[in-house]
C-alpha cells in the first residue's frame, strides 16, 4: 500500500534561541519559530492529509496548527485529544475533515532531567567536554533524572506501531509535528540508522521531511525522501 509520512520538528522556541536545554519544559515558539511554521505550511499547502499527530508540548501543537492553517486542500483539521490523554470526544470527523490528535506524550522531546533550563555553554564549562558530549550526544547515557536517546526511541516506537503505522498501512497521508529527539527515534527505525550514527543526524526546526512509502504487513519501504526547504 502506498502512503506518505510528513515529519516536522517544531519551529524555533524561545529556549532554542537562548541555547538552553528544553526537554519537557513547555516553552512557546519564538517569533522566528512562528515564521518557520508558517513557511512550512505554505510548502505543504496543497497536500491533503488524512490524520495528524502532535506531542503535548505547545511548541509542537502551535507548529501543527500554524502549518494546517496554511493548507488549501479543502479538508479541515478537527483537533482531538489523543487516546489515553484527556476524555475522548465522541465526534467523528466528516468527509471534508480529518482528525489531528494532540497531547501525545510518547512523541514529546527527550526529557533532559536536571539539565532542563540550563544554558548549554554553561553546562559544557562546568562539566567538561566529555561529560557534556555523553549527555547530549551519547545514545544510551541519560543526564541526571532524565532520558537517554535510547529511552526516547523506546517510548516512540510502540506508539508509532500501534497508532500511526495502521494509518500508513491503510494508504493514508500522515503528518507528525514533534521534536528533534522523538523524530530521531522515528527516523532511526524508518531508515535503519545505527545507534552510533543516529546522534549525528540533525533535524532542523520548521523543515518538512516527506517520505513516500510502500507499506506491507511485514515492512515499510521508503520509495523516496524529500526535504522541503
N, C-alpha and C. Protein backbone atom coordinates (compact mmCIF):
# COMPACT_ATOMS: atom_id res chain seq x y z
N UNK A 1 0.84 -1.19 0.00
CA UNK A 1 0.00 0.00 0.00
C UNK A 1 0.88 1.25 0.00
N UNK A 2 0.57 2.18 -0.92
CA UNK A 2 1.34 3.42 -0.96
C UNK A 2 0.79 4.40 0.07
N UNK A 3 1.69 5.07 0.79
CA UNK A 3 1.30 6.04 1.80
C UNK A 3 2.37 7.12 1.86
N UNK A 4 2.08 8.19 2.61
CA UNK A 4 3.09 9.22 2.81
C UNK A 4 3.12 9.63 4.27
N UNK A 5 4.29 10.01 4.71
CA UNK A 5 4.53 10.44 6.09
C UNK A 5 5.32 11.73 6.05
N UNK A 6 4.78 12.76 6.68
CA UNK A 6 5.47 14.06 6.76
C UNK A 6 5.86 14.31 8.21
N UNK A 7 7.14 14.50 8.44
CA UNK A 7 7.65 14.82 9.77
C UNK A 7 8.09 16.28 9.80
N UNK A 8 7.75 16.97 10.87
CA UNK A 8 8.22 18.34 11.02
C UNK A 8 8.57 18.61 12.47
N UNK A 9 9.79 19.02 12.68
CA UNK A 9 10.19 19.47 14.02
C UNK A 9 9.61 20.86 14.24
N UNK A 10 9.14 21.10 15.44
CA UNK A 10 8.56 22.40 15.76
C UNK A 10 9.48 23.55 15.36
N UNK A 11 8.89 24.71 15.14
CA UNK A 11 9.69 25.90 14.87
C UNK A 11 10.55 26.27 16.07
N UNK A 12 11.50 27.15 15.85
CA UNK A 12 12.44 27.53 16.91
C UNK A 12 11.69 28.09 18.11
N UNK A 13 12.03 27.58 19.29
CA UNK A 13 11.39 28.05 20.53
C UNK A 13 12.23 29.14 21.17
N UNK A 14 11.68 29.76 22.20
CA UNK A 14 12.42 30.83 22.87
C UNK A 14 13.68 30.27 23.55
N UNK A 15 13.64 29.01 23.99
CA UNK A 15 14.84 28.44 24.61
C UNK A 15 15.82 27.91 23.58
N UNK A 16 15.35 27.51 22.40
CA UNK A 16 16.30 27.23 21.31
C UNK A 16 17.14 28.48 21.05
N UNK A 17 16.45 29.61 21.00
CA UNK A 17 17.13 30.87 20.71
C UNK A 17 18.12 31.25 21.81
N UNK A 18 17.86 30.80 23.04
CA UNK A 18 18.74 31.11 24.18
C UNK A 18 19.75 30.01 24.45
N UNK A 19 19.80 28.98 23.62
CA UNK A 19 20.76 27.88 23.74
C UNK A 19 20.62 27.14 25.07
N UNK A 20 19.37 26.87 25.46
CA UNK A 20 19.10 26.19 26.72
C UNK A 20 18.53 24.79 26.46
N UNK A 21 18.83 23.86 27.36
CA UNK A 21 18.20 22.55 27.31
C UNK A 21 16.71 22.71 27.64
N UNK A 22 15.85 22.22 26.76
CA UNK A 22 14.42 22.46 26.93
C UNK A 22 13.69 21.23 27.44
N UNK A 23 13.81 20.10 26.72
CA UNK A 23 13.15 18.89 27.16
C UNK A 23 11.64 19.04 27.27
N UNK A 24 11.09 18.72 28.44
CA UNK A 24 9.64 18.75 28.63
C UNK A 24 9.15 20.09 29.18
N UNK A 25 10.03 21.05 29.36
CA UNK A 25 9.56 22.38 29.79
C UNK A 25 8.75 22.98 28.64
N UNK A 26 7.57 23.50 28.96
CA UNK A 26 6.61 23.85 27.91
C UNK A 26 6.77 25.30 27.46
N UNK A 27 7.87 25.56 26.77
CA UNK A 27 8.15 26.93 26.32
C UNK A 27 7.49 27.19 24.97
N UNK A 28 7.15 28.45 24.67
CA UNK A 28 6.49 28.76 23.41
C UNK A 28 7.47 28.94 22.26
N UNK A 29 6.91 29.04 21.07
CA UNK A 29 7.71 29.38 19.90
C UNK A 29 8.24 30.81 20.01
N UNK A 30 9.44 31.02 19.51
CA UNK A 30 9.94 32.36 19.30
C UNK A 30 9.31 32.94 18.04
N UNK A 31 9.48 34.23 17.83
CA UNK A 31 8.93 34.86 16.62
C UNK A 31 9.44 34.15 15.37
N UNK A 32 10.71 33.79 15.36
CA UNK A 32 11.27 33.07 14.21
C UNK A 32 10.60 31.72 14.03
N UNK A 33 10.24 31.07 15.15
CA UNK A 33 9.57 29.78 15.07
C UNK A 33 8.19 29.87 14.45
N UNK A 34 7.45 30.93 14.76
CA UNK A 34 6.15 31.15 14.10
C UNK A 34 6.34 31.31 12.60
N UNK A 35 7.38 32.05 12.21
CA UNK A 35 7.65 32.25 10.79
C UNK A 35 8.04 30.94 10.11
N UNK A 36 8.85 30.12 10.80
CA UNK A 36 9.23 28.82 10.24
C UNK A 36 8.01 27.93 10.03
N UNK A 37 7.11 27.92 11.02
CA UNK A 37 5.92 27.08 10.91
C UNK A 37 5.04 27.54 9.75
N UNK A 38 4.87 28.85 9.61
CA UNK A 38 4.05 29.37 8.51
C UNK A 38 4.67 29.03 7.16
N UNK A 39 5.99 29.12 7.07
CA UNK A 39 6.66 28.78 5.82
C UNK A 39 6.49 27.30 5.51
N UNK A 40 6.62 26.46 6.53
CA UNK A 40 6.40 25.03 6.32
C UNK A 40 4.98 24.77 5.84
N UNK A 41 4.02 25.49 6.42
CA UNK A 41 2.64 25.33 6.00
C UNK A 41 2.44 25.69 4.54
N UNK A 42 3.11 26.72 4.09
CA UNK A 42 2.98 27.12 2.67
C UNK A 42 3.59 26.06 1.76
N UNK A 43 4.69 25.44 2.20
CA UNK A 43 5.31 24.38 1.40
C UNK A 43 4.42 23.15 1.31
N UNK A 44 3.57 22.94 2.32
CA UNK A 44 2.69 21.77 2.36
C UNK A 44 1.25 22.12 2.02
N UNK A 45 1.01 23.33 1.54
CA UNK A 45 -0.35 23.86 1.45
C UNK A 45 -1.28 23.04 0.57
N UNK A 46 -0.75 22.41 -0.46
CA UNK A 46 -1.61 21.68 -1.41
C UNK A 46 -1.67 20.19 -1.12
N UNK A 47 -1.08 19.76 -0.03
CA UNK A 47 -1.09 18.34 0.33
C UNK A 47 -2.32 18.06 1.20
N UNK A 48 -3.05 17.03 0.84
CA UNK A 48 -4.26 16.65 1.58
C UNK A 48 -3.91 15.59 2.61
N UNK A 49 -4.05 15.92 3.89
CA UNK A 49 -3.73 14.98 4.96
C UNK A 49 -4.97 14.22 5.40
N UNK A 50 -4.74 13.00 5.89
CA UNK A 50 -5.81 12.16 6.42
C UNK A 50 -5.80 12.11 7.94
N UNK A 51 -4.65 12.35 8.56
CA UNK A 51 -4.55 12.32 10.01
C UNK A 51 -3.26 13.03 10.41
N UNK A 52 -3.28 13.66 11.58
CA UNK A 52 -2.10 14.37 12.07
C UNK A 52 -1.93 14.08 13.56
N UNK A 53 -0.68 14.24 14.04
CA UNK A 53 -0.35 13.98 15.44
C UNK A 53 0.60 15.06 15.94
N UNK A 54 0.50 15.36 17.24
CA UNK A 54 1.42 16.29 17.88
C UNK A 54 1.70 15.82 19.30
N UNK A 55 2.84 16.19 19.83
CA UNK A 55 3.12 15.93 21.24
C UNK A 55 2.24 16.83 22.12
N UNK A 56 2.45 16.73 23.42
CA UNK A 56 1.65 17.54 24.36
C UNK A 56 2.26 18.91 24.61
N UNK A 57 3.40 19.21 24.01
CA UNK A 57 4.09 20.46 24.28
C UNK A 57 3.66 21.54 23.28
N UNK A 58 3.47 22.76 23.80
CA UNK A 58 2.83 23.80 22.99
C UNK A 58 3.63 24.18 21.75
N UNK A 59 4.95 24.04 21.78
CA UNK A 59 5.71 24.41 20.60
C UNK A 59 5.41 23.48 19.42
N UNK A 60 5.11 22.21 19.72
CA UNK A 60 4.72 21.28 18.65
C UNK A 60 3.27 21.48 18.25
N UNK A 61 2.38 21.68 19.23
CA UNK A 61 0.97 21.92 18.92
C UNK A 61 0.80 23.18 18.09
N UNK A 62 1.47 24.26 18.49
CA UNK A 62 1.37 25.52 17.73
C UNK A 62 1.89 25.34 16.31
N UNK A 63 3.01 24.64 16.17
CA UNK A 63 3.56 24.39 14.84
C UNK A 63 2.56 23.65 13.97
N UNK A 64 1.94 22.60 14.52
CA UNK A 64 0.95 21.83 13.77
C UNK A 64 -0.22 22.72 13.36
N UNK A 65 -0.71 23.53 14.27
CA UNK A 65 -1.86 24.38 13.96
C UNK A 65 -1.52 25.42 12.91
N UNK A 66 -0.34 26.01 13.01
CA UNK A 66 0.06 27.02 12.02
C UNK A 66 0.25 26.38 10.65
N UNK A 67 0.88 25.21 10.62
CA UNK A 67 1.06 24.50 9.35
C UNK A 67 -0.29 24.23 8.70
N UNK A 68 -1.24 23.72 9.47
CA UNK A 68 -2.54 23.35 8.90
C UNK A 68 -3.39 24.57 8.57
N UNK A 69 -3.13 25.68 9.19
CA UNK A 69 -3.86 26.92 8.86
C UNK A 69 -3.56 27.36 7.43
N UNK A 70 -2.37 27.01 6.94
CA UNK A 70 -1.97 27.40 5.58
C UNK A 70 -2.51 26.43 4.52
N UNK A 71 -3.13 25.33 4.94
CA UNK A 71 -3.49 24.27 3.99
C UNK A 71 -4.64 24.69 3.08
N UNK A 72 -4.53 24.32 1.80
CA UNK A 72 -5.54 24.69 0.80
C UNK A 72 -6.24 23.46 0.21
N UNK A 73 -6.15 22.33 0.88
CA UNK A 73 -6.70 21.10 0.32
C UNK A 73 -8.22 21.04 0.38
N UNK A 74 -8.83 21.91 1.19
CA UNK A 74 -10.28 21.89 1.35
C UNK A 74 -10.76 20.98 2.46
N UNK A 75 -9.83 20.33 3.16
CA UNK A 75 -10.19 19.49 4.31
C UNK A 75 -9.81 20.21 5.60
N UNK A 76 -10.70 20.20 6.56
CA UNK A 76 -10.48 20.92 7.81
C UNK A 76 -9.97 19.98 8.90
N UNK A 77 -8.91 20.36 9.60
CA UNK A 77 -8.47 19.53 10.73
C UNK A 77 -9.40 19.70 11.93
N UNK A 78 -9.74 18.58 12.56
CA UNK A 78 -10.51 18.60 13.79
C UNK A 78 -9.57 18.17 14.91
N UNK A 79 -9.28 19.07 15.83
CA UNK A 79 -8.30 18.80 16.88
C UNK A 79 -8.95 18.03 18.02
N UNK A 80 -8.39 16.87 18.32
CA UNK A 80 -8.94 15.95 19.31
C UNK A 80 -7.85 15.49 20.26
N UNK A 81 -8.19 15.22 21.51
CA UNK A 81 -7.19 14.66 22.42
C UNK A 81 -6.85 13.23 22.01
N UNK A 82 -5.58 12.91 22.04
CA UNK A 82 -5.15 11.55 21.70
C UNK A 82 -5.65 10.56 22.73
N UNK A 83 -5.77 9.33 22.31
CA UNK A 83 -6.24 8.27 23.20
C UNK A 83 -5.36 8.17 24.44
N UNK A 84 -5.99 8.09 25.60
CA UNK A 84 -5.26 7.95 26.85
C UNK A 84 -4.82 9.25 27.47
N UNK A 85 -5.25 10.40 26.90
CA UNK A 85 -4.86 11.69 27.47
C UNK A 85 -6.07 12.31 28.18
N UNK A 86 -6.77 13.20 27.52
CA UNK A 86 -7.98 13.80 28.06
C UNK A 86 -9.17 12.92 27.70
N UNK A 87 -10.34 13.15 28.31
CA UNK A 87 -11.52 12.39 27.88
C UNK A 87 -11.76 12.52 26.39
N UNK A 88 -12.01 11.40 25.73
CA UNK A 88 -12.18 11.40 24.29
C UNK A 88 -13.52 12.01 23.89
N UNK A 89 -13.48 12.78 22.81
CA UNK A 89 -14.72 13.31 22.25
C UNK A 89 -15.39 12.22 21.42
N UNK A 90 -16.72 12.26 21.40
CA UNK A 90 -17.45 11.27 20.61
C UNK A 90 -17.53 11.66 19.14
N UNK A 91 -17.20 12.91 18.82
CA UNK A 91 -17.34 13.39 17.44
C UNK A 91 -16.37 12.65 16.51
N UNK A 92 -16.86 12.28 15.34
CA UNK A 92 -16.05 11.66 14.30
C UNK A 92 -15.96 12.63 13.12
N UNK A 93 -14.75 12.98 12.68
CA UNK A 93 -14.62 13.91 11.56
C UNK A 93 -15.38 13.43 10.33
N UNK A 94 -15.99 14.40 9.62
CA UNK A 94 -16.77 14.11 8.43
C UNK A 94 -15.91 13.97 7.18
N UNK A 95 -16.57 13.93 6.04
CA UNK A 95 -15.89 13.65 4.78
C UNK A 95 -14.85 14.70 4.42
N UNK A 96 -15.11 15.96 4.75
CA UNK A 96 -14.18 17.04 4.42
C UNK A 96 -13.37 17.48 5.63
N UNK A 97 -13.24 16.59 6.60
CA UNK A 97 -12.48 16.86 7.82
C UNK A 97 -11.53 15.69 8.08
N UNK A 98 -10.53 15.92 8.94
CA UNK A 98 -9.65 14.83 9.35
C UNK A 98 -9.20 15.08 10.78
N UNK A 99 -8.90 14.00 11.52
CA UNK A 99 -8.51 14.16 12.92
C UNK A 99 -7.06 14.59 13.07
N UNK A 100 -6.83 15.51 13.98
CA UNK A 100 -5.48 15.92 14.37
C UNK A 100 -5.37 15.68 15.87
N UNK A 101 -4.61 14.66 16.24
CA UNK A 101 -4.55 14.21 17.64
C UNK A 101 -3.44 14.95 18.40
N UNK A 102 -3.81 15.56 19.51
CA UNK A 102 -2.89 16.35 20.31
C UNK A 102 -2.55 15.62 21.62
N UNK A 103 -1.53 16.15 22.31
CA UNK A 103 -1.15 15.69 23.66
C UNK A 103 -0.56 14.29 23.67
N UNK A 104 0.14 13.90 22.62
CA UNK A 104 0.74 12.57 22.58
C UNK A 104 2.10 12.64 23.29
N UNK A 105 2.14 12.25 24.56
CA UNK A 105 3.38 12.35 25.32
C UNK A 105 4.47 11.44 24.76
N UNK A 106 4.09 10.35 24.10
CA UNK A 106 5.09 9.46 23.51
C UNK A 106 5.91 10.15 22.43
N UNK A 107 5.37 11.23 21.84
CA UNK A 107 6.07 11.96 20.79
C UNK A 107 6.82 13.19 21.32
N UNK A 108 6.86 13.34 22.66
CA UNK A 108 7.50 14.52 23.25
C UNK A 108 9.01 14.47 23.08
N UNK A 109 9.61 15.61 23.33
CA UNK A 109 11.06 15.71 23.30
C UNK A 109 11.68 14.80 24.37
N UNK A 110 12.94 14.49 24.19
CA UNK A 110 13.70 13.80 25.23
C UNK A 110 13.68 14.61 26.52
N UNK A 111 13.43 13.95 27.64
CA UNK A 111 13.43 14.63 28.94
C UNK A 111 14.87 14.80 29.40
N UNK A 112 15.31 16.04 29.58
CA UNK A 112 16.70 16.31 29.93
C UNK A 112 16.95 16.38 31.43
N UNK A 113 15.97 16.03 32.24
CA UNK A 113 16.19 15.92 33.67
C UNK A 113 16.74 17.20 34.29
N UNK A 114 17.82 17.06 35.05
CA UNK A 114 18.39 18.19 35.78
C UNK A 114 19.00 19.25 34.87
N UNK A 115 19.18 18.93 33.59
CA UNK A 115 19.75 19.91 32.65
C UNK A 115 18.71 20.89 32.12
N UNK A 116 17.45 20.57 32.29
CA UNK A 116 16.40 21.40 31.70
C UNK A 116 16.47 22.83 32.23
N UNK A 117 16.47 23.78 31.30
CA UNK A 117 16.54 25.19 31.64
C UNK A 117 17.95 25.75 31.69
N UNK A 118 18.96 24.87 31.70
CA UNK A 118 20.34 25.33 31.80
C UNK A 118 20.89 25.70 30.43
N UNK A 119 21.77 26.68 30.43
CA UNK A 119 22.45 27.08 29.20
C UNK A 119 23.48 26.03 28.83
N UNK A 120 23.49 25.62 27.56
CA UNK A 120 24.38 24.54 27.13
C UNK A 120 25.85 24.91 27.27
N UNK A 121 26.20 26.15 26.99
CA UNK A 121 27.60 26.56 27.13
C UNK A 121 28.04 26.51 28.58
N UNK A 122 27.14 26.87 29.50
CA UNK A 122 27.48 26.83 30.92
C UNK A 122 27.63 25.39 31.42
N UNK A 123 26.78 24.48 30.93
CA UNK A 123 26.90 23.06 31.28
C UNK A 123 28.23 22.51 30.77
N UNK A 124 28.61 22.87 29.56
CA UNK A 124 29.89 22.44 28.99
C UNK A 124 31.05 22.93 29.84
N UNK A 125 31.01 24.21 30.23
CA UNK A 125 32.10 24.77 31.03
C UNK A 125 32.19 24.11 32.41
N UNK A 126 31.04 23.78 33.02
CA UNK A 126 31.03 23.22 34.36
C UNK A 126 31.42 21.76 34.40
N UNK A 127 30.99 20.97 33.41
CA UNK A 127 31.16 19.53 33.47
C UNK A 127 32.22 18.98 32.51
N UNK A 128 32.69 19.79 31.61
CA UNK A 128 33.73 19.34 30.68
C UNK A 128 33.15 18.73 29.42
N UNK A 129 33.99 18.70 28.38
CA UNK A 129 33.52 18.28 27.06
C UNK A 129 33.09 16.83 27.03
N UNK A 130 33.80 15.93 27.69
CA UNK A 130 33.48 14.51 27.62
C UNK A 130 32.11 14.23 28.23
N UNK A 131 31.84 14.77 29.41
CA UNK A 131 30.55 14.54 30.05
C UNK A 131 29.43 15.22 29.27
N UNK A 132 29.69 16.43 28.78
CA UNK A 132 28.70 17.16 28.01
C UNK A 132 28.31 16.37 26.76
N UNK A 133 29.29 15.84 26.04
CA UNK A 133 29.01 15.07 24.84
C UNK A 133 28.26 13.78 25.17
N UNK A 134 28.62 13.16 26.29
CA UNK A 134 27.94 11.92 26.68
C UNK A 134 26.46 12.19 26.97
N UNK A 135 26.15 13.27 27.69
CA UNK A 135 24.76 13.61 27.99
C UNK A 135 24.00 14.04 26.74
N UNK A 136 24.66 14.84 25.91
CA UNK A 136 23.94 15.42 24.78
C UNK A 136 23.92 14.51 23.57
N UNK A 137 25.00 13.77 23.33
CA UNK A 137 25.12 13.01 22.09
C UNK A 137 25.24 11.50 22.29
N UNK A 138 25.45 11.04 23.50
CA UNK A 138 25.53 9.61 23.73
C UNK A 138 24.17 8.96 23.55
N UNK A 139 24.13 7.80 22.92
CA UNK A 139 22.85 7.15 22.63
C UNK A 139 22.17 6.66 23.89
N UNK A 140 22.93 6.09 24.83
CA UNK A 140 22.31 5.47 26.00
C UNK A 140 22.81 6.05 27.32
N UNK A 141 23.23 7.32 27.32
CA UNK A 141 23.68 7.99 28.54
C UNK A 141 22.69 9.09 28.93
N UNK A 142 21.85 8.84 29.93
CA UNK A 142 20.89 9.87 30.33
C UNK A 142 21.54 10.90 31.24
N UNK A 143 21.10 12.15 31.18
CA UNK A 143 21.52 13.12 32.19
C UNK A 143 20.83 12.77 33.51
N UNK A 144 21.29 13.34 34.62
CA UNK A 144 20.66 13.03 35.91
C UNK A 144 19.15 13.27 35.89
N UNK A 145 18.39 12.24 36.28
CA UNK A 145 16.93 12.30 36.36
C UNK A 145 16.27 12.53 35.00
N UNK A 146 16.96 12.18 33.92
CA UNK A 146 16.41 12.40 32.59
C UNK A 146 16.44 11.14 31.73
N UNK A 147 16.21 11.31 30.44
CA UNK A 147 16.17 10.23 29.48
C UNK A 147 17.38 10.26 28.56
N UNK A 148 17.81 9.10 28.14
CA UNK A 148 18.75 8.99 27.04
C UNK A 148 17.97 9.00 25.72
N UNK A 149 18.69 9.11 24.62
CA UNK A 149 18.02 8.97 23.33
C UNK A 149 17.43 7.57 23.19
N UNK A 150 18.13 6.58 23.72
CA UNK A 150 17.61 5.20 23.68
C UNK A 150 16.25 5.12 24.37
N UNK A 151 16.13 5.77 25.54
CA UNK A 151 14.85 5.80 26.25
C UNK A 151 13.76 6.44 25.39
N UNK A 152 14.12 7.53 24.74
CA UNK A 152 13.15 8.24 23.89
C UNK A 152 12.70 7.36 22.74
N UNK A 153 13.65 6.69 22.09
CA UNK A 153 13.30 5.78 20.99
C UNK A 153 12.35 4.69 21.46
N UNK A 154 12.59 4.19 22.66
CA UNK A 154 11.79 3.07 23.16
C UNK A 154 10.37 3.48 23.53
N UNK A 155 10.11 4.76 23.79
CA UNK A 155 8.72 5.18 24.02
C UNK A 155 8.04 5.62 22.73
N UNK A 156 8.83 6.09 21.74
CA UNK A 156 8.25 6.47 20.46
C UNK A 156 7.81 5.24 19.67
N UNK A 157 8.64 4.20 19.69
CA UNK A 157 8.42 3.03 18.83
C UNK A 157 7.06 2.37 19.01
N UNK A 158 6.62 2.04 20.23
CA UNK A 158 5.32 1.37 20.35
C UNK A 158 4.15 2.27 19.96
N UNK A 159 4.27 3.58 20.20
CA UNK A 159 3.18 4.47 19.77
C UNK A 159 3.08 4.48 18.25
N UNK A 160 4.22 4.55 17.59
CA UNK A 160 4.21 4.51 16.12
C UNK A 160 3.57 3.22 15.63
N UNK A 161 3.98 2.10 16.20
CA UNK A 161 3.47 0.81 15.74
C UNK A 161 1.96 0.68 15.97
N UNK A 162 1.49 1.15 17.12
CA UNK A 162 0.08 0.95 17.49
C UNK A 162 -0.87 1.99 16.92
N UNK A 163 -0.40 3.23 16.75
CA UNK A 163 -1.32 4.32 16.42
C UNK A 163 -1.05 5.01 15.09
N UNK A 164 0.16 4.91 14.57
CA UNK A 164 0.50 5.62 13.33
C UNK A 164 0.65 4.65 12.16
N UNK A 165 1.36 3.56 12.37
CA UNK A 165 1.55 2.60 11.28
C UNK A 165 0.23 2.11 10.69
N UNK A 166 -0.84 1.85 11.49
CA UNK A 166 -2.10 1.41 10.87
C UNK A 166 -2.65 2.39 9.84
N UNK A 167 -2.43 3.69 10.05
CA UNK A 167 -2.88 4.68 9.05
C UNK A 167 -2.05 4.56 7.77
N UNK A 168 -0.74 4.35 7.93
CA UNK A 168 0.10 4.17 6.75
C UNK A 168 -0.27 2.88 6.01
N UNK A 169 -0.56 1.83 6.76
CA UNK A 169 -0.95 0.56 6.14
C UNK A 169 -2.26 0.68 5.37
N UNK A 170 -3.08 1.67 5.74
CA UNK A 170 -4.34 1.91 5.03
C UNK A 170 -4.16 2.89 3.87
N UNK A 171 -2.92 3.31 3.60
CA UNK A 171 -2.66 4.18 2.46
C UNK A 171 -2.93 5.65 2.70
N UNK A 172 -2.84 6.08 3.94
CA UNK A 172 -3.19 7.47 4.27
C UNK A 172 -1.96 8.38 4.27
N UNK A 173 -2.26 9.69 4.22
CA UNK A 173 -1.21 10.71 4.32
C UNK A 173 -1.20 11.21 5.76
N UNK A 174 -0.04 11.06 6.41
CA UNK A 174 0.09 11.31 7.84
C UNK A 174 1.07 12.46 8.07
N UNK A 175 0.72 13.35 9.00
CA UNK A 175 1.57 14.47 9.40
C UNK A 175 1.87 14.36 10.88
N UNK A 176 3.15 14.48 11.25
CA UNK A 176 3.56 14.47 12.65
C UNK A 176 4.37 15.73 12.94
N UNK A 177 3.93 16.50 13.94
CA UNK A 177 4.71 17.64 14.44
C UNK A 177 5.26 17.26 15.80
N UNK A 178 6.58 17.20 15.91
CA UNK A 178 7.17 16.73 17.17
C UNK A 178 8.50 17.45 17.40
N UNK A 179 9.51 16.72 17.85
CA UNK A 179 10.72 17.32 18.40
C UNK A 179 11.96 16.63 17.83
N UNK A 180 13.10 17.28 18.02
CA UNK A 180 14.32 16.76 17.43
C UNK A 180 14.60 15.32 17.79
N UNK A 181 14.51 14.98 19.09
CA UNK A 181 14.89 13.63 19.51
C UNK A 181 13.79 12.60 19.28
N UNK A 182 12.52 12.97 19.44
CA UNK A 182 11.46 12.00 19.13
C UNK A 182 11.44 11.71 17.63
N UNK A 183 11.74 12.71 16.81
CA UNK A 183 11.80 12.47 15.36
C UNK A 183 13.06 11.69 14.99
N UNK A 184 14.14 11.85 15.75
CA UNK A 184 15.30 10.98 15.53
C UNK A 184 14.91 9.52 15.77
N UNK A 185 14.11 9.30 16.81
CA UNK A 185 13.67 7.93 17.09
C UNK A 185 12.87 7.34 15.95
N UNK A 186 11.92 8.12 15.41
CA UNK A 186 11.14 7.66 14.27
C UNK A 186 12.03 7.42 13.05
N UNK A 187 12.92 8.36 12.79
CA UNK A 187 13.79 8.25 11.62
C UNK A 187 14.74 7.07 11.75
N UNK A 188 15.23 6.83 12.95
CA UNK A 188 16.15 5.71 13.19
C UNK A 188 15.52 4.40 12.75
N UNK A 189 14.27 4.17 13.17
CA UNK A 189 13.59 2.93 12.81
C UNK A 189 13.21 2.91 11.33
N UNK A 190 12.75 4.05 10.83
CA UNK A 190 12.28 4.10 9.45
C UNK A 190 13.42 3.86 8.46
N UNK A 191 14.58 4.44 8.74
CA UNK A 191 15.71 4.37 7.82
C UNK A 191 16.75 3.32 8.22
N UNK A 192 16.56 2.67 9.36
CA UNK A 192 17.51 1.66 9.79
C UNK A 192 18.86 2.23 10.17
N UNK A 193 18.87 3.37 10.84
CA UNK A 193 20.11 4.04 11.23
C UNK A 193 20.66 3.39 12.51
N UNK A 194 21.96 3.21 12.58
CA UNK A 194 22.58 2.54 13.72
C UNK A 194 22.56 3.43 14.96
N UNK A 195 22.78 2.79 16.13
CA UNK A 195 22.88 3.53 17.38
C UNK A 195 24.01 4.55 17.32
N UNK A 196 25.11 4.17 16.69
CA UNK A 196 26.28 5.05 16.63
C UNK A 196 26.05 6.25 15.73
N UNK A 197 25.27 6.05 14.66
CA UNK A 197 25.12 7.11 13.67
C UNK A 197 23.95 8.05 13.94
N UNK A 198 22.98 7.64 14.77
CA UNK A 198 21.75 8.42 14.88
C UNK A 198 21.98 9.79 15.50
N UNK A 199 22.90 9.91 16.44
CA UNK A 199 23.10 11.21 17.06
C UNK A 199 23.78 12.21 16.14
N UNK A 200 24.34 11.73 15.03
CA UNK A 200 24.88 12.65 14.04
C UNK A 200 23.82 13.23 13.13
N UNK A 201 22.59 12.71 13.24
CA UNK A 201 21.50 13.21 12.40
C UNK A 201 20.95 14.50 12.97
N UNK A 202 21.00 15.55 12.21
CA UNK A 202 20.43 16.84 12.61
C UNK A 202 19.08 17.03 11.94
N UNK A 203 18.07 17.37 12.70
CA UNK A 203 16.74 17.64 12.17
C UNK A 203 16.45 19.12 12.40
N UNK A 204 16.44 19.93 11.37
CA UNK A 204 16.27 21.37 11.55
C UNK A 204 14.85 21.74 11.96
N UNK A 205 14.72 22.86 12.64
CA UNK A 205 13.40 23.34 13.05
C UNK A 205 12.61 23.82 11.83
N UNK A 206 11.33 23.47 11.81
CA UNK A 206 10.40 24.02 10.84
C UNK A 206 10.60 23.59 9.40
N UNK A 207 11.27 22.47 9.17
CA UNK A 207 11.53 22.00 7.81
C UNK A 207 10.80 20.68 7.58
N UNK A 208 9.83 20.62 6.68
CA UNK A 208 9.11 19.36 6.45
C UNK A 208 9.99 18.31 5.78
N UNK A 209 9.90 17.09 6.27
CA UNK A 209 10.57 15.94 5.69
C UNK A 209 9.49 14.99 5.21
N UNK A 210 9.45 14.71 3.92
CA UNK A 210 8.36 13.95 3.30
C UNK A 210 8.87 12.60 2.84
N UNK A 211 8.25 11.54 3.35
CA UNK A 211 8.54 10.18 2.93
C UNK A 211 7.38 9.64 2.11
N UNK A 212 7.67 9.14 0.92
CA UNK A 212 6.71 8.31 0.18
C UNK A 212 7.07 6.86 0.48
N UNK A 213 6.07 6.08 0.86
CA UNK A 213 6.32 4.75 1.41
C UNK A 213 5.50 3.68 0.71
N UNK A 214 6.04 2.48 0.68
CA UNK A 214 5.29 1.27 0.38
C UNK A 214 5.18 0.49 1.69
N UNK A 215 3.96 0.22 2.12
CA UNK A 215 3.74 -0.40 3.42
C UNK A 215 3.05 -1.75 3.22
N UNK A 216 3.63 -2.78 3.80
CA UNK A 216 3.02 -4.11 3.83
C UNK A 216 2.87 -4.50 5.29
N UNK A 217 2.16 -5.60 5.57
CA UNK A 217 2.07 -6.04 6.97
C UNK A 217 3.42 -6.33 7.60
N UNK A 218 4.41 -6.66 6.77
CA UNK A 218 5.71 -7.05 7.29
C UNK A 218 6.73 -5.92 7.31
N UNK A 219 6.58 -4.92 6.46
CA UNK A 219 7.66 -3.94 6.33
C UNK A 219 7.15 -2.59 5.84
N UNK A 220 8.01 -1.59 6.04
CA UNK A 220 7.81 -0.27 5.46
C UNK A 220 9.03 0.03 4.61
N UNK A 221 8.82 0.24 3.32
CA UNK A 221 9.91 0.56 2.40
C UNK A 221 9.82 2.01 1.96
N UNK A 222 10.94 2.71 2.01
CA UNK A 222 10.98 4.11 1.58
C UNK A 222 11.13 4.15 0.06
N UNK A 223 10.17 4.75 -0.61
CA UNK A 223 10.24 4.93 -2.05
C UNK A 223 11.05 6.19 -2.37
N UNK A 224 10.79 7.26 -1.62
CA UNK A 224 11.53 8.50 -1.80
C UNK A 224 11.46 9.32 -0.53
N UNK A 225 12.44 10.18 -0.35
CA UNK A 225 12.50 11.10 0.78
C UNK A 225 12.82 12.48 0.25
N UNK A 226 12.04 13.48 0.67
CA UNK A 226 12.25 14.85 0.22
C UNK A 226 12.31 15.77 1.44
N UNK A 227 13.26 16.69 1.44
CA UNK A 227 13.35 17.72 2.46
C UNK A 227 12.95 19.03 1.80
N UNK A 228 11.86 19.62 2.27
CA UNK A 228 11.29 20.81 1.64
C UNK A 228 11.87 22.07 2.27
N UNK A 229 12.70 22.75 1.51
CA UNK A 229 13.34 23.97 2.03
C UNK A 229 13.15 25.12 1.05
